[in-house]
Amino acid sequence: MKNILALFIITICLVSCGKDKFTTAPQIKFVSLLPNFAQSSITSLDPNAPKLTIEVTDAEGDLGGQDITDSSMIYLRNLKSNNIDSFRFPDLTRAQQNNFKAEVTISLFNALDCVTPGPPRPRTDTVFYEVYVRDAKKNKSNVITTVDALFYRCL
């Protein structure tokens, strides 16, 4: 009987210590940065503009809806220039649900710049980004750094 009680207590402890995948504050994970090369002559209509893909989880799913204000955003900080850009979530109204999980892809066209000091142009900068998101209740996610570098050719 003592063994069964001890086993029951150990099982309860192990189950309760497991990390919940869906939290009130959104959680993000780096998925990809493709393509990893661009140059300053790129246009907003170019289908080859670099795109960042992240996986987002959120317990309430209060990200990116038509009725959600600017508080639900994706934030990028260029670690080379220290510039911070923000992007609205795509319209996720149909996907909003509890225990929300999705991959979100954003074009980095507006986050590309050649303002950092360095050797004269043309030159290629190696750029990494810090990324985090906020949901509609202004809960801030974890902060991640892109694993892959973006090679940006400043002409």
C-alpha atoms as a PDB file:
ATOM      1  CA  MET A   1       0.000   0.000   0.000  1.00  0.00           C
ATOM      2  CA  LYS A   2       2.870   2.360   0.855  1.00  0.00           C
ATOM      3  CA  ASN A   3       4.463   1.598  -2.519  1.00  0.00           C
ATOM      4  CA  ILE A   4       1.250   2.421  -4.387  1.00  0.00           C
ATOM      5  CA  LEU A   5       0.863   5.698  -2.474  1.00  0.00           C
ATOM      6  CA  ALA A   6       4.521   6.643  -3.147  1.00  0.00           C
ATOM      7  CA  LEU A   7       4.127   5.767  -6.850  1.00  0.00           C
ATOM      8  CA  PHE A   8       0.942   7.869  -7.043  1.00  0.00           C
ATOM      9  CA  ILE A   9       2.666  10.900  -5.439  1.00  0.00           C
ATOM     10  CA  ILE A  10       5.695  10.589  -7.743  1.00  0.00           C
ATOM     11  CA  THR A  11       3.421  10.343 -10.807  1.00  0.00           C
ATOM     12  CA  ILE A  12       1.453  13.430  -9.769  1.00  0.00           C
ATOM     13  CA  CYS A  13       4.712  15.375  -9.249  1.00  0.00           C
ATOM     14  CA  LEU A  14       6.075  14.370 -12.641  1.00  0.00           C
ATOM     15  CA  VAL A  15       2.859  15.241 -14.467  1.00  0.00           C
ATOM     16  CA  SER A  16       2.497  18.609 -12.721  1.00  0.00           C
ATOM     17  CA  CYS A  17       6.111  19.555 -13.500  1.00  0.00           C
ATOM     18  CA  GLY A  18       5.623  19.148 -17.257  1.00  0.00           C
ATOM     19  CA  LYS A  19       5.894  22.435 -19.150  1.00  0.00           C
ATOM     20  CA  ASP A  20       2.630  23.570 -20.703  1.00  0.00           C
ATOM     21  CA  LYS A  21       3.047  24.193 -24.423  1.00  0.00           C
ATOM     22  CA  PHE A  22       0.330  26.843 -24.521  1.00  0.00           C
ATOM     23  CA  THR A  23       0.825  29.809 -22.224  1.00  0.00           C
ATOM     24  CA  THR A  24      -0.910  33.161 -21.742  1.00  0.00           C
ATOM     25  CA  ALA A  25       2.160  34.927 -23.091  1.00  0.00           C
ATOM     26  CA  PRO A  26       2.748  33.838 -26.693  1.00  0.00           C
ATOM     27  CA  GLN A  27       5.714  31.569 -27.378  1.00  0.00           C
ATOM     28  CA  ILE A  28       7.685  31.712 -30.617  1.00  0.00           C
ATOM     29  CA  LYS A  29      10.232  29.498 -32.307  1.00  0.00           C
ATOM     30  CA  PHE A  30      12.437  30.188 -35.339  1.00  0.00           C
ATOM     31  CA  VAL A  31      11.500  28.108 -38.404  1.00  0.00           C
ATOM     32  CA  SER A  32      13.321  29.630 -41.396  1.00  0.00           C
ATOM     33  CA  LEU A  33      14.744  32.673 -43.154  1.00  0.00           C
ATOM     34  CA  LEU A  34      14.533  32.122 -46.911  1.00  0.00           C
ATOM     35  CA  PRO A  35      16.134  33.079 -49.167  1.00  0.00           C
ATOM     36  CA  ASN A  36      19.087  34.110 -47.054  1.00  0.00           C
ATOM     37  CA  PHE A  37      20.480  36.574 -49.638  1.00  0.00           C
ATOM     38  CA  ALA A  38      19.098  39.891 -50.899  1.00  0.00           C
ATOM     39  CA  GLN A  39      20.422  43.122 -52.327  1.00  0.00           C
ATOM     40  CA  SER A  40      19.415  46.732 -51.881  1.00  0.00           C
ATOM     41  CA  SER A  41      17.938  46.937 -55.396  1.00  0.00           C
ATOM     42  CA  ILE A  42      15.129  44.552 -54.388  1.00  0.00           C
ATOM     43  CA  THR A  43      11.549  45.862 -54.732  1.00  0.00           C
ATOM     44  CA  SER A  44       8.466  45.185 -52.621  1.00  0.00           C
ATOM     45  CA  LEU A  45       6.934  43.196 -55.483  1.00  0.00           C
ATOM     46  CA  ASP A  46       9.926  40.883 -55.817  1.00  0.00           C
ATOM     47  CA  PRO A  47       8.831  37.307 -55.022  1.00  0.00           C
ATOM     48  CA  ASN A  48      12.397  36.572 -53.902  1.00  0.00           C
ATOM     49  CA  ALA A  49      12.321  39.067 -51.030  1.00  0.00           C
ATOM     50  CA  PRO A  50      13.537  37.301 -47.875  1.00  0.00           C
ATOM     51  CA  LYS A  51      10.803  35.893 -45.655  1.00  0.00           C
ATOM     52  CA  LEU A  52      11.018  35.039 -41.979  1.00  0.00           C
ATOM     53  CA  THR A  53       8.884  32.168 -40.715  1.00  0.00           C
ATOM     54  CA  ILE A  54       8.225  31.643 -37.011  1.00  0.00           C
ATOM     55  CA  GLU A  55       6.011  29.222 -35.120  1.00  0.00           C
ATOM     56  CA  VAL A  56       3.650  30.931 -32.672  1.00  0.00           C
ATOM     57  CA  THR A  57       1.697  29.321 -29.839  1.00  0.00           C
ATOM     58  CA  ASP A  58      -0.727  31.122 -27.541  1.00  0.00           C
ATOM     59  CA  ALA A  59      -3.226  29.808 -24.992  1.00  0.00           C
ATOM     60  CA  GLU A  60      -5.939  32.363 -25.851  1.00  0.00           C
ATOM     61  CA  GLY A  61      -5.217  32.766 -29.579  1.00  0.00           C
ATOM     62  CA  ASP A  62      -5.645  36.542 -29.375  1.00  0.00           C
ATOM     63  CA  LEU A  63      -3.311  37.303 -32.261  1.00  0.00           C
ATOM     64  CA  GLY A  64      -4.031  38.958 -35.583  1.00  0.00           C
ATOM     65  CA  GLY A  65      -7.745  39.503 -36.036  1.00  0.00           C
ATOM     66  CA  GLN A  66      -9.710  42.218 -37.764  1.00  0.00           C
ATOM     67  CA  ASP A  67     -10.922  43.583 -34.423  1.00  0.00           C
ATOM     68  CA  ILE A  68      -7.488  43.468 -32.805  1.00  0.00           C
ATOM     69  CA  THR A  69      -5.643  46.765 -32.459  1.00  0.00           C
ATOM     70  CA  ASP A  70      -2.011  47.518 -33.117  1.00  0.00           C
ATOM     71  CA  SER A  71      -1.086  45.876 -29.825  1.00  0.00           C
ATOM     72  CA  SER A  72      -0.926  42.479 -31.557  1.00  0.00           C
ATOM     73  CA  MET A  73       2.343  42.811 -33.484  1.00  0.00           C
ATOM     74  CA  ILE A  74       5.545  41.090 -34.566  1.00  0.00           C
ATOM     75  CA  TYR A  75       8.713  43.018 -33.670  1.00  0.00           C
ATOM     76  CA  LEU A  76      12.107  42.667 -35.365  1.00  0.00           C
ATOM     77  CA  ARG A  77      15.366  44.230 -34.274  1.00  0.00           C
ATOM     78  CA  ASN A  78      18.181  44.250 -36.811  1.00  0.00           C
ATOM     79  CA  LEU A  79      21.223  43.354 -34.697  1.00  0.00           C
ATOM     80  CA  LYS A  80      23.570  45.043 -37.185  1.00  0.00           C
ATOM     81  CA  SER A  81      21.890  48.471 -37.331  1.00  0.00           C
ATOM     82  CA  ASN A  82      19.832  48.176 -34.104  1.00  0.00           C
ATOM     83  CA  ASN A  83      16.738  49.365 -36.030  1.00  0.00           C
ATOM     84  CA  ILE A  84      13.401  48.030 -34.779  1.00  0.00           C
ATOM     85  CA  ASP A  85      10.543  47.319 -37.179  1.00  0.00           C
ATOM     86  CA  SER A  86       7.032  46.135 -36.374  1.00  0.00           C
ATOM     87  CA  PHE A  87       4.606  44.159 -38.491  1.00  0.00           C
ATOM     88  CA  ARG A  88       0.909  43.416 -38.062  1.00  0.00           C
ATOM     89  CA  PHE A  89      -0.116  39.810 -37.839  1.00  0.00           C
ATOM     90  CA  PRO A  90      -1.965  38.488 -40.863  1.00  0.00           C
ATOM     91  CA  ASP A  91      -5.736  38.212 -40.387  1.00  0.00           C
ATOM     92  CA  LEU A  92      -6.092  35.108 -38.227  1.00  0.00           C
ATOM     93  CA  THR A  93      -9.785  35.628 -37.416  1.00  0.00           C
ATOM     94  CA  ARG A  94     -10.819  32.219 -38.730  1.00  0.00           C
ATOM     95  CA  ALA A  95      -7.966  30.500 -36.942  1.00  0.00           C
ATOM     96  CA  GLN A  96      -8.407  32.156 -33.538  1.00  0.00           C
ATOM     97  CA  GLN A  97      -8.974  29.540 -30.896  1.00  0.00           C
ATOM     98  CA  ASN A  98      -7.724  28.439 -27.535  1.00  0.00           C
ATOM     99  CA  ASN A  99      -4.411  26.602 -27.689  1.00  0.00           C
ATOM    100  CA  PHE A 100      -3.528  28.388 -30.935  1.00  0.00           C
ATOM    101  CA  LYS A 101      -0.535  27.177 -32.951  1.00  0.00           C
ATOM    102  CA  ALA A 102       0.524  28.379 -36.399  1.00  0.00           C
ATOM    103  CA  GLU A 103       3.448  29.260 -38.594  1.00  0.00           C
ATOM    104  CA  VAL A 104       3.542  32.937 -39.541  1.00  0.00           C
ATOM    105  CA  THR A 105       5.607  34.219 -42.475  1.00  0.00           C
ATOM    106  CA  ILE A 106       6.489  37.883 -42.987  1.00  0.00           C
ATOM    107  CA  SER A 107       8.383  39.594 -45.768  1.00  0.00           C
ATOM    108  CA  LEU A 108      11.538  41.327 -44.575  1.00  0.00           C
ATOM    109  CA  PHE A 109      11.486  43.853 -47.439  1.00  0.00           C
ATOM    110  CA  ASN A 110      10.631  46.777 -45.112  1.00  0.00           C
ATOM    111  CA  ALA A 111      13.212  45.656 -42.532  1.00  0.00           C
ATOM    112  CA  LEU A 112      16.179  45.793 -44.905  1.00  0.00           C
ATOM    113  CA  ASP A 113      18.516  48.782 -44.803  1.00  0.00           C
ATOM    114  CA  CYS A 114      22.060  49.826 -45.691  1.00  0.00           C
ATOM    115  CA  VAL A 115      22.528  52.530 -43.065  1.00  0.00           C
ATOM    116  CA  THR A 116      25.091  50.765 -40.917  1.00  0.00           C
ATOM    117  CA  PRO A 117      28.628  52.103 -40.929  1.00  0.00           C
ATOM    118  CA  GLY A 118      31.124  49.940 -42.687  1.00  0.00           C
ATOM    119  CA  PRO A 119      33.335  49.704 -45.707  1.00  0.00           C
ATOM    120  CA  PRO A 120      32.288  51.622 -48.813  1.00  0.00           C
ATOM    121  CA  ARG A 121      29.616  50.175 -51.062  1.00  0.00           C
ATOM    122  CA  PRO A 122      29.189  47.744 -52.594  1.00  0.00           C
ATOM    123  CA  ARG A 123      29.493  45.504 -49.559  1.00  0.00           C
ATOM    124  CA  THR A 124      27.658  42.544 -48.067  1.00  0.00           C
ATOM    125  CA  ASP A 125      26.353  42.779 -44.502  1.00  0.00           C
ATOM    126  CA  THR A 126      25.642  39.701 -42.404  1.00  0.00           C
ATOM    127  CA  VAL A 127      22.411  40.405 -40.537  1.00  0.00           C
ATOM    128  CA  PHE A 128      20.689  38.595 -37.680  1.00  0.00           C
ATOM    129  CA  TYR A 129      17.352  39.605 -36.180  1.00  0.00           C
ATOM    130  CA  GLU A 130      15.864  39.460 -32.691  1.00  0.00           C
ATOM    131  CA  VAL A 131      12.171  38.647 -32.858  1.00  0.00           C
ATOM    132  CA  TYR A 132       9.298  38.791 -30.385  1.00  0.00           C
ATOM    133  CA  VAL A 133       5.526  39.206 -30.561  1.00  0.00           C
ATOM    134  CA  ARG A 134       2.800  40.783 -28.443  1.00  0.00           C
ATOM    135  CA  ASP A 135      -0.767  39.561 -28.323  1.00  0.00           C
ATOM    136  CA  ALA A 136      -3.903  41.707 -28.012  1.00  0.00           C
ATOM    137  CA  LYS A 137      -3.562  41.808 -24.212  1.00  0.00           C
ATOM    138  CA  LYS A 138       0.023  43.072 -24.640  1.00  0.00           C
ATOM    139  CA  ASN A 139       1.577  39.860 -23.348  1.00  0.00           C
ATOM    140  CA  LYS A 140       5.135  39.720 -24.681  1.00  0.00           C
ATOM    141  CA  SER A 141       6.534  36.456 -26.029  1.00  0.00           C
ATOM    142  CA  ASN A 142       9.982  35.056 -25.526  1.00  0.00           C
ATOM    143  CA  VAL A 143      12.699  36.786 -27.573  1.00  0.00           C
ATOM    144  CA  ILE A 144      14.484  34.698 -30.191  1.00  0.00           C
ATOM    145  CA  THR A 145      17.398  35.401 -32.507  1.00  0.00           C
ATOM    146  CA  THR A 146      17.306  34.130 -36.063  1.00  0.00           C
ATOM    147  CA  VAL A 147      19.494  31.069 -36.365  1.00  0.00           C
ATOM    148  CA  ASP A 148      20.310  31.714 -40.024  1.00  0.00           C
ATOM    149  CA  ALA A 149      22.020  34.909 -41.177  1.00  0.00           C
ATOM    150  CA  LEU A 150      20.700  37.136 -43.940  1.00  0.00           C
ATOM    151  CA  PHE A 151      23.416  38.226 -46.356  1.00  0.00           C
ATOM    152  CA  TYR A 152      22.383  41.676 -47.544  1.00  0.00           C
ATOM    153  CA  ARG A 153      24.283  43.240 -50.445  1.00  0.00           C
ATOM    154  CA  CYS A 154      24.338  47.048 -50.191  1.00  0.00           C
ATOM    155  CA  LEU A 155      24.835  48.495 -53.669  1.00  0.00           C
END
